[in-house]
């Protein structure tokens, strides 16, 4: 492989309203875009959301890691085969998100126009709010986007989480809902918590408490709901372990560790008969479009829920000239390969983060 130009772009996009995550409240999201062009004129892109408590990176730290560790490796690997380059990337320990960005951009170079025109079913994630506000937002999204699957962020307290599920189910009786508690509860609370959520109408439960490889099997047996493992399944090896120990499914996150690793995670779970949910990482409109290309290579019989990559609808600003539309609960990928003409670099520059 030979590369013509490699560049990095940083930008911050405001939300329509402040967002309450499990670890912070924020009014905007910070992003890093990697652009790699090869000597044949093809371009690959990858976007990362820079949140220290999610990936360990600030924007500056992620840019520095790419500039000092991974991009020099690409320069040194000029002329290497894709397989040789992939092996060199895997030799660098840690740095899942930075390596994943490089791997995703290279994957896009090798698969131009992947998933062109594909209709990808999506869910919407509703962050921490009062039950009535969550139900109201779910109804609005159902009305405007046609979405009928919702991921509800838990961790507000057992009774509050249960009431959020009940409120959404009352407002939308046919909706498919599940809860992500972001490991907010103690393992001793798992049985009662999962039973209450099951009674309220939740379909499955993501990360109710912190998971470790050695104790997961017992937790899976204690739960009254199927368990989806996210935070602890950081690579294909761990995904295989949790799937074998009783996880209903694992979360595959292109925004956390790249499209190739997401496919490896999916295949690892599939080999044990378990599924995958393509999980959000706070992507922008551009990042959602890029990461949903994973569906071009994803074994669809392993997908247990619509993709969560719709959070960009909560942004007040976009960086694509024509943001993707969600119609009847599905996002349509571009009909051709993404290129620079589709990206509004002027708007990206207007929201640039000084380094």
Protein backbone atom coordinates (compact mmCIF):
# COMPACT_ATOMS: atom_id res chain seq x y z
CA UNK A 1 0.00 0.00 0.00
CA UNK A 2 1.21 3.52 -0.81
CA UNK A 3 -0.22 6.64 0.78
CA UNK A 4 -0.39 10.03 -0.87
CA UNK A 5 -1.61 12.19 2.01
CA UNK A 6 -2.68 11.68 5.62
CA UNK A 7 -4.43 14.40 7.61
CA UNK A 8 -6.22 14.91 10.93
CA UNK A 9 -9.12 17.26 11.67
CA UNK A 10 -10.60 18.11 15.08
CA UNK A 11 -14.00 19.67 15.69
CA UNK A 12 -16.59 20.21 18.39
CA UNK A 13 -20.32 20.04 17.63
CA UNK A 14 -23.05 21.36 19.98
CA UNK A 15 -26.02 19.29 21.12
CA UNK A 16 -29.57 20.59 20.74
CA UNK A 17 -29.82 20.28 24.53
CA UNK A 18 -27.43 19.30 27.31
CA UNK A 19 -26.86 15.55 27.56
CA UNK A 20 -26.52 13.64 30.83
CA UNK A 21 -24.30 10.58 30.52
CA UNK A 22 -23.40 8.26 33.38
CA UNK A 23 -20.14 10.11 34.00
CA UNK A 24 -20.69 13.69 32.84
CA UNK A 25 -23.09 16.34 31.61
CA UNK A 26 -22.06 18.03 28.38
CA UNK A 27 -23.29 20.60 25.88
CA UNK A 28 -21.10 19.52 22.97
CA UNK A 29 -19.09 16.59 21.66
CA UNK A 30 -15.48 16.56 20.46
CA UNK A 31 -14.34 14.60 17.42
CA UNK A 32 -11.20 13.65 15.51
CA UNK A 33 -11.35 12.76 11.81
CA UNK A 34 -8.58 10.78 10.13
CA UNK A 35 -8.30 11.04 6.33
CA UNK A 36 -5.97 8.73 4.39
CA UNK A 37 -5.56 9.05 0.60
CA UNK A 38 -3.62 6.48 -1.39
CA UNK A 39 -1.65 6.88 -4.61
CA UNK A 40 -4.62 5.62 -6.67
CA UNK A 41 -6.86 8.48 -5.58
CA UNK A 42 -8.95 6.52 -3.12
CA UNK A 43 -9.74 8.02 0.28
CA UNK A 44 -10.50 6.35 3.59
CA UNK A 45 -11.91 8.11 6.64
CA UNK A 46 -12.43 7.31 10.31
CA UNK A 47 -14.01 9.42 13.04
CA UNK A 48 -13.51 9.08 16.78
CA UNK A 49 -15.43 10.67 19.62
CA UNK A 50 -12.90 11.98 22.13
CA UNK A 51 -14.25 11.36 25.63
CA UNK A 52 -11.61 10.53 28.28
CA UNK A 53 -13.95 8.43 30.43
CA UNK A 54 -15.02 6.39 27.41
CA UNK A 55 -11.72 5.74 25.66
CA UNK A 56 -9.00 7.34 27.77
CA UNK A 57 -8.41 10.07 25.18
CA UNK A 58 -8.88 13.79 25.09
CA UNK A 59 -8.82 15.29 21.62
CA UNK A 60 -5.18 16.35 22.00
CA UNK A 61 -4.14 12.98 23.42
CA UNK A 62 -5.78 11.10 20.56
CA UNK A 63 -4.18 13.35 17.94
CA UNK A 64 -0.79 12.98 19.64
CA UNK A 65 -1.09 9.18 19.73
CA UNK A 66 -1.97 9.06 16.05
CA UNK A 67 0.80 11.49 15.08
CA UNK A 68 3.53 9.94 17.22
CA UNK A 69 2.68 6.23 17.17
CA UNK A 70 0.44 5.15 14.32
CA UNK A 71 0.91 7.55 11.42
CA UNK A 72 4.71 7.17 11.35
CA UNK A 73 4.09 3.43 11.10
CA UNK A 74 2.01 4.03 7.96
CA UNK A 75 4.79 6.10 6.44
CA UNK A 76 7.32 3.38 7.22
CA UNK A 77 5.02 0.71 5.79
CA UNK A 78 4.83 2.24 2.28
CA UNK A 79 4.72 -0.67 -0.12
CA UNK A 80 3.65 -3.26 2.47
CA UNK A 81 0.72 -5.51 1.69
CA UNK A 82 -2.50 -4.90 3.68
CA UNK A 83 -1.80 -8.09 5.62
CA UNK A 84 1.72 -6.98 6.56
CA UNK A 85 0.45 -3.58 7.68
CA UNK A 86 -2.35 -5.13 9.73
CA UNK A 87 0.17 -7.27 11.60
CA UNK A 88 2.32 -4.23 12.39
CA UNK A 89 -0.69 -2.32 13.75
CA UNK A 90 -1.57 -5.24 16.03
CA UNK A 91 1.95 -5.26 17.51
CA UNK A 92 1.27 -1.95 19.28
CA UNK A 93 -0.29 -2.71 22.69
CA UNK A 94 -3.37 -0.88 23.97
CA UNK A 95 -4.61 2.24 22.17
CA UNK A 96 -7.77 0.51 20.92
CA UNK A 97 -9.45 3.65 19.60
CA UNK A 98 -6.40 5.11 17.83
CA UNK A 99 -5.53 1.81 16.17
CA UNK A 100 -9.20 1.28 15.33
CA UNK A 101 -9.30 4.60 13.48
CA UNK A 102 -6.35 3.60 11.31
CA UNK A 103 -7.79 0.15 10.67
CA UNK A 104 -11.20 1.61 9.77
CA UNK A 105 -9.73 4.12 7.31
CA UNK A 106 -7.66 1.37 5.69
CA UNK A 107 -10.72 -0.90 5.56
CA UNK A 108 -12.61 1.85 3.75
CA UNK A 109 -9.75 2.23 1.27
CA UNK A 110 -9.99 -1.47 0.55
CA UNK A 111 -13.82 -1.45 0.35
CA UNK A 112 -14.82 1.76 -1.45
CA UNK A 113 -18.57 2.30 -1.44
CA UNK A 114 -19.16 -0.53 1.04
CA UNK A 115 -22.85 -0.93 1.75
CA UNK A 116 -23.87 1.58 -0.91
CA UNK A 117 -27.61 2.23 -0.71
CA UNK A 118 -28.06 -0.18 2.20
CA UNK A 119 -30.98 0.50 4.54
CA UNK A 120 -29.78 -0.02 8.12
CA UNK A 121 -32.42 -0.30 10.89
CA UNK A 122 -31.53 1.96 13.82
CA UNK A 123 -32.64 2.49 17.39
CA UNK A 124 -32.54 5.69 19.43
CA UNK A 125 -30.72 6.10 22.73
CA UNK A 126 -32.48 8.14 25.41
CA UNK A 127 -30.15 9.49 28.09
CA UNK A 128 -30.89 10.14 31.75
CA UNK A 129 -33.98 12.26 32.35
CA UNK A 130 -37.22 12.09 34.32
CA UNK A 131 -39.55 9.27 33.17
CA UNK A 132 -42.10 11.62 31.61
CA UNK A 133 -39.42 13.47 29.64
CA UNK A 134 -37.96 10.20 28.33
CA UNK A 135 -41.40 8.97 27.26
CA UNK A 136 -42.13 12.28 25.55
CA UNK A 137 -38.85 12.13 23.65
CA UNK A 138 -39.50 8.53 22.60
CA UNK A 139 -42.88 9.53 21.18
CA UNK A 140 -41.33 12.41 19.27
CA UNK A 141 -38.66 10.16 17.76
CA UNK A 142 -41.25 7.54 16.86
CA UNK A 143 -43.30 10.21 15.13
CA UNK A 144 -40.46 11.94 13.27
CA UNK A 145 -38.09 9.06 12.50
CA UNK A 146 -40.31 5.99 12.61
CA UNK A 147 -38.06 4.38 15.22
CA UNK A 148 -39.66 1.82 17.51
CA UNK A 149 -36.58 0.48 19.33
CA UNK A 150 -35.12 2.45 22.22
CA UNK A 151 -32.06 2.05 24.41
CA UNK A 152 -32.81 3.64 27.79
CA UNK A 153 -29.88 4.84 29.87
CA UNK A 154 -30.26 3.57 33.42
CA UNK A 155 -28.29 4.24 36.57
CA UNK A 156 -30.67 6.80 38.07
CA UNK A 157 -31.65 4.42 40.84
CA UNK A 158 -33.55 1.15 40.60
CA UNK A 159 -37.00 2.65 41.07
CA UNK A 160 -36.32 5.50 38.64
CA UNK A 161 -34.97 3.14 35.97
CA UNK A 162 -38.01 0.90 36.29
CA UNK A 163 -40.37 3.85 36.03
CA UNK A 164 -38.59 5.08 32.89
CA UNK A 165 -39.22 1.69 31.24
CA UNK A 166 -42.85 1.74 32.34
CA UNK A 167 -43.36 5.29 31.08
CA UNK A 168 -42.02 4.47 27.62
CA UNK A 169 -44.00 1.24 27.46
CA UNK A 170 -47.20 3.05 28.45
CA UNK A 171 -46.62 5.71 25.79
CA UNK A 172 -45.53 3.21 23.11
CA UNK A 173 -46.91 -0.24 24.01
CA UNK A 174 -45.38 -1.94 20.97
CA UNK A 175 -41.91 -0.42 21.34
CA UNK A 176 -38.87 -2.65 21.85
CA UNK A 177 -36.88 -1.28 24.81
CA UNK A 178 -33.77 -2.30 26.67
CA UNK A 179 -31.73 -0.73 29.45
CA UNK A 180 -28.04 0.18 29.67
CA UNK A 181 -27.10 0.87 33.29
CA UNK A 182 -23.43 1.64 32.56
CA UNK A 183 -22.33 -0.62 35.46
CA UNK A 184 -24.11 1.63 37.98
CA UNK A 185 -25.16 -1.11 40.39
CA UNK A 186 -23.51 -3.60 42.70
CA UNK A 187 -23.50 -7.27 41.68
CA UNK A 188 -25.70 -8.04 44.68
CA UNK A 189 -28.46 -5.91 43.13
CA UNK A 190 -28.48 -7.72 39.79
CA UNK A 191 -31.20 -10.28 40.53
CA UNK A 192 -33.75 -7.85 41.94
CA UNK A 193 -32.90 -5.12 39.42
CA UNK A 194 -33.24 -7.40 36.39
CA UNK A 195 -36.48 -8.88 37.73
CA UNK A 196 -38.02 -5.43 38.15
CA UNK A 197 -36.98 -4.35 34.66
CA UNK A 198 -38.31 -7.58 33.15
CA UNK A 199 -41.64 -6.99 34.88
CA UNK A 200 -41.71 -3.43 33.49
CA UNK A 201 -41.21 -4.70 29.93
CA UNK A 202 -37.50 -4.44 29.15
CA UNK A 203 -36.23 -6.96 26.59
CA UNK A 204 -32.63 -7.29 27.78
CA UNK A 205 -30.10 -5.59 30.04
CA UNK A 206 -26.73 -4.06 29.19
CA UNK A 207 -23.93 -3.69 31.76
CA UNK A 208 -26.05 -3.58 34.94
CA UNK A 209 -22.87 -3.94 37.02
CA UNK A 210 -19.15 -4.24 36.40
CA UNK A 211 -18.28 -7.51 34.65
CA UNK A 212 -15.04 -9.45 34.99
CA UNK A 213 -14.12 -12.59 33.06
CA UNK A 214 -13.83 -14.78 36.16
CA UNK A 215 -17.24 -14.05 37.65
CA UNK A 216 -19.48 -13.51 34.69
CA UNK A 217 -21.04 -16.97 34.40
CA UNK A 218 -22.65 -16.72 37.81
CA UNK A 219 -24.02 -13.26 37.02
CA UNK A 220 -25.61 -14.49 33.81
CA UNK A 221 -27.43 -17.17 35.77
CA UNK A 222 -28.62 -14.68 38.39
CA UNK A 223 -30.17 -12.28 35.90
CA UNK A 224 -33.87 -12.36 35.01
CA UNK A 225 -33.04 -10.70 31.69
CA UNK A 226 -30.58 -11.69 28.93
CA UNK A 227 -27.31 -9.79 29.42
CA UNK A 228 -25.58 -7.68 26.77
CA UNK A 229 -21.89 -7.09 27.52
CA UNK A 230 -20.39 -3.81 26.37
CA UNK A 231 -17.64 -2.18 28.41
CA UNK A 232 -15.83 -5.39 29.39
CA UNK A 233 -15.75 -6.86 25.87
CA UNK A 234 -12.96 -4.68 24.53
CA UNK A 235 -11.70 -7.11 21.89
CA UNK A 236 -12.61 -10.31 20.10
CA UNK A 237 -10.96 -12.53 22.69
CA UNK A 238 -12.98 -11.10 25.55
CA UNK A 239 -16.13 -11.11 23.44
CA UNK A 240 -15.67 -14.83 22.85
CA UNK A 241 -15.17 -15.42 26.57
CA UNK A 242 -18.30 -13.55 27.67
CA UNK A 243 -20.38 -15.17 24.94
CA UNK A 244 -19.21 -18.62 26.02
CA UNK A 245 -19.96 -17.81 29.67
CA UNK A 246 -23.61 -16.96 29.05
CA UNK A 247 -23.87 -13.48 27.57
CA UNK A 248 -26.90 -13.10 25.32
CA UNK A 249 -24.88 -10.82 23.06
CA UNK A 250 -21.94 -8.41 22.99
CA UNK A 251 -21.81 -4.82 21.84
CA UNK A 252 -19.78 -4.24 18.69
CA UNK A 253 -18.42 -0.70 18.61
CA UNK A 254 -16.67 0.63 15.50
CA UNK A 255 -16.28 3.98 17.30
CA UNK A 256 -14.34 2.34 20.12
CA UNK A 257 -12.03 -0.05 18.28
CA UNK A 258 -12.72 0.20 14.54
CA UNK A 259 -14.68 -1.67 11.88
CA UNK A 260 -12.25 -4.63 11.48
CA UNK A 261 -12.22 -5.35 15.22
CA UNK A 262 -16.02 -5.03 15.29
CA UNK A 263 -16.20 -7.75 12.66
CA UNK A 264 -13.80 -9.89 14.68
CA UNK A 265 -15.91 -9.35 17.81
CA UNK A 266 -19.04 -10.32 15.89
CA UNK A 267 -17.49 -13.49 14.53
CA UNK A 268 -16.18 -14.44 17.97
CA UNK A 269 -19.67 -14.14 19.45
CA UNK A 270 -21.25 -15.90 16.49
CA UNK A 271 -18.99 -18.92 16.88
CA UNK A 272 -20.65 -19.57 20.26
CA UNK A 273 -24.14 -19.00 18.87
CA UNK A 274 -24.47 -15.50 20.38
CA UNK A 275 -25.30 -12.16 18.81
CA UNK A 276 -24.07 -8.59 18.47
CA UNK A 277 -25.57 -5.13 18.74
CA UNK A 278 -23.73 -2.35 16.88
CA UNK A 279 -23.36 0.16 19.69
CA UNK A 280 -23.12 3.92 19.79
CA UNK A 281 -20.01 5.86 20.63
CA UNK A 282 -21.51 9.33 20.36
CA UNK A 283 -20.82 9.56 16.61
CA UNK A 284 -21.58 12.65 14.54
CA UNK A 285 -23.56 12.41 11.31
CA UNK A 286 -20.30 11.67 9.48
CA UNK A 287 -19.14 9.10 12.03
CA UNK A 288 -22.49 7.33 11.95
CA UNK A 289 -22.40 7.06 8.17
CA UNK A 290 -18.81 5.79 8.25
CA UNK A 291 -19.30 3.23 11.01
CA UNK A 292 -22.56 1.85 9.66
CA UNK A 293 -20.59 0.63 6.65
CA UNK A 294 -19.77 -2.32 8.90
CA UNK A 295 -23.17 -3.67 7.84
CA UNK A 296 -21.74 -4.37 4.40
CA UNK A 297 -19.69 -7.21 5.93
CA UNK A 298 -21.75 -8.02 9.03
CA UNK A 299 -23.43 -11.45 9.25
CA UNK A 300 -26.97 -10.16 9.71
CA UNK A 301 -28.19 -13.35 11.39
CA UNK A 302 -26.04 -12.35 14.37
CA UNK A 303 -27.63 -8.90 14.84
CA UNK A 304 -29.96 -8.89 17.85
CA UNK A 305 -31.22 -5.28 17.71
CA UNK A 306 -31.14 -2.25 15.39
CA UNK A 307 -27.89 -0.29 15.31
CA UNK A 308 -27.58 2.42 17.95
CA UNK A 309 -25.80 4.90 15.66
CA UNK A 310 -28.52 7.54 15.51
CA UNK A 311 -27.35 9.84 18.29
CA UNK A 312 -26.32 12.47 15.76
CA UNK A 313 -29.97 13.58 15.51
CA UNK A 314 -29.37 15.26 18.87
CA UNK A 315 -26.64 17.49 17.41
CA UNK A 316 -27.36 21.08 16.43
CA UNK A 317 -24.62 21.14 13.77
CA UNK A 318 -23.52 18.59 11.16
CA UNK A 319 -20.38 18.17 9.06
CA UNK A 320 -21.88 16.39 6.07
CA UNK A 321 -23.30 18.60 3.35
CA UNK A 322 -26.35 16.33 3.31
CA UNK A 323 -26.79 14.56 6.66
CA UNK A 324 -28.23 11.05 6.50
CA UNK A 325 -31.99 10.81 6.94
CA UNK A 326 -33.71 8.27 9.16
CA UNK A 327 -37.02 7.22 7.59
CA UNK A 328 -39.31 4.49 8.91
CA UNK A 329 -36.66 3.57 11.45
CA UNK A 330 -33.83 3.02 8.96
CA UNK A 331 -30.81 5.03 7.83
CA UNK A 332 -29.86 4.77 4.17
CA UNK A 333 -26.14 4.66 3.37
CA UNK A 334 -24.81 6.68 0.44
CA UNK A 335 -25.36 5.29 -3.03
CA UNK A 336 -21.66 5.71 -3.83
CA UNK A 337 -18.33 5.88 -2.02
CA UNK A 338 -17.99 8.75 0.45
CA UNK A 339 -15.61 11.45 -0.79
CA UNK A 340 -14.45 14.95 0.12
CA UNK A 341 -17.36 16.52 -1.77
CA UNK A 342 -19.80 15.01 0.71
CA UNK A 343 -18.02 16.55 3.72
CA UNK A 344 -18.39 20.22 4.61
CA UNK A 345 -14.79 20.94 5.57
CA UNK A 346 -15.62 24.62 5.85
CA UNK A 347 -18.15 23.96 8.59
CA UNK A 348 -15.73 21.51 10.19
CA UNK A 349 -13.12 24.27 10.26
CA UNK A 350 -15.64 26.69 11.75
CA UNK A 351 -16.04 24.28 14.66
CA UNK A 352 -12.34 23.36 14.82
CA UNK A 353 -10.69 22.69 18.17
CA UNK A 354 -7.41 24.49 18.63
CA UNK A 355 -4.60 22.00 19.33
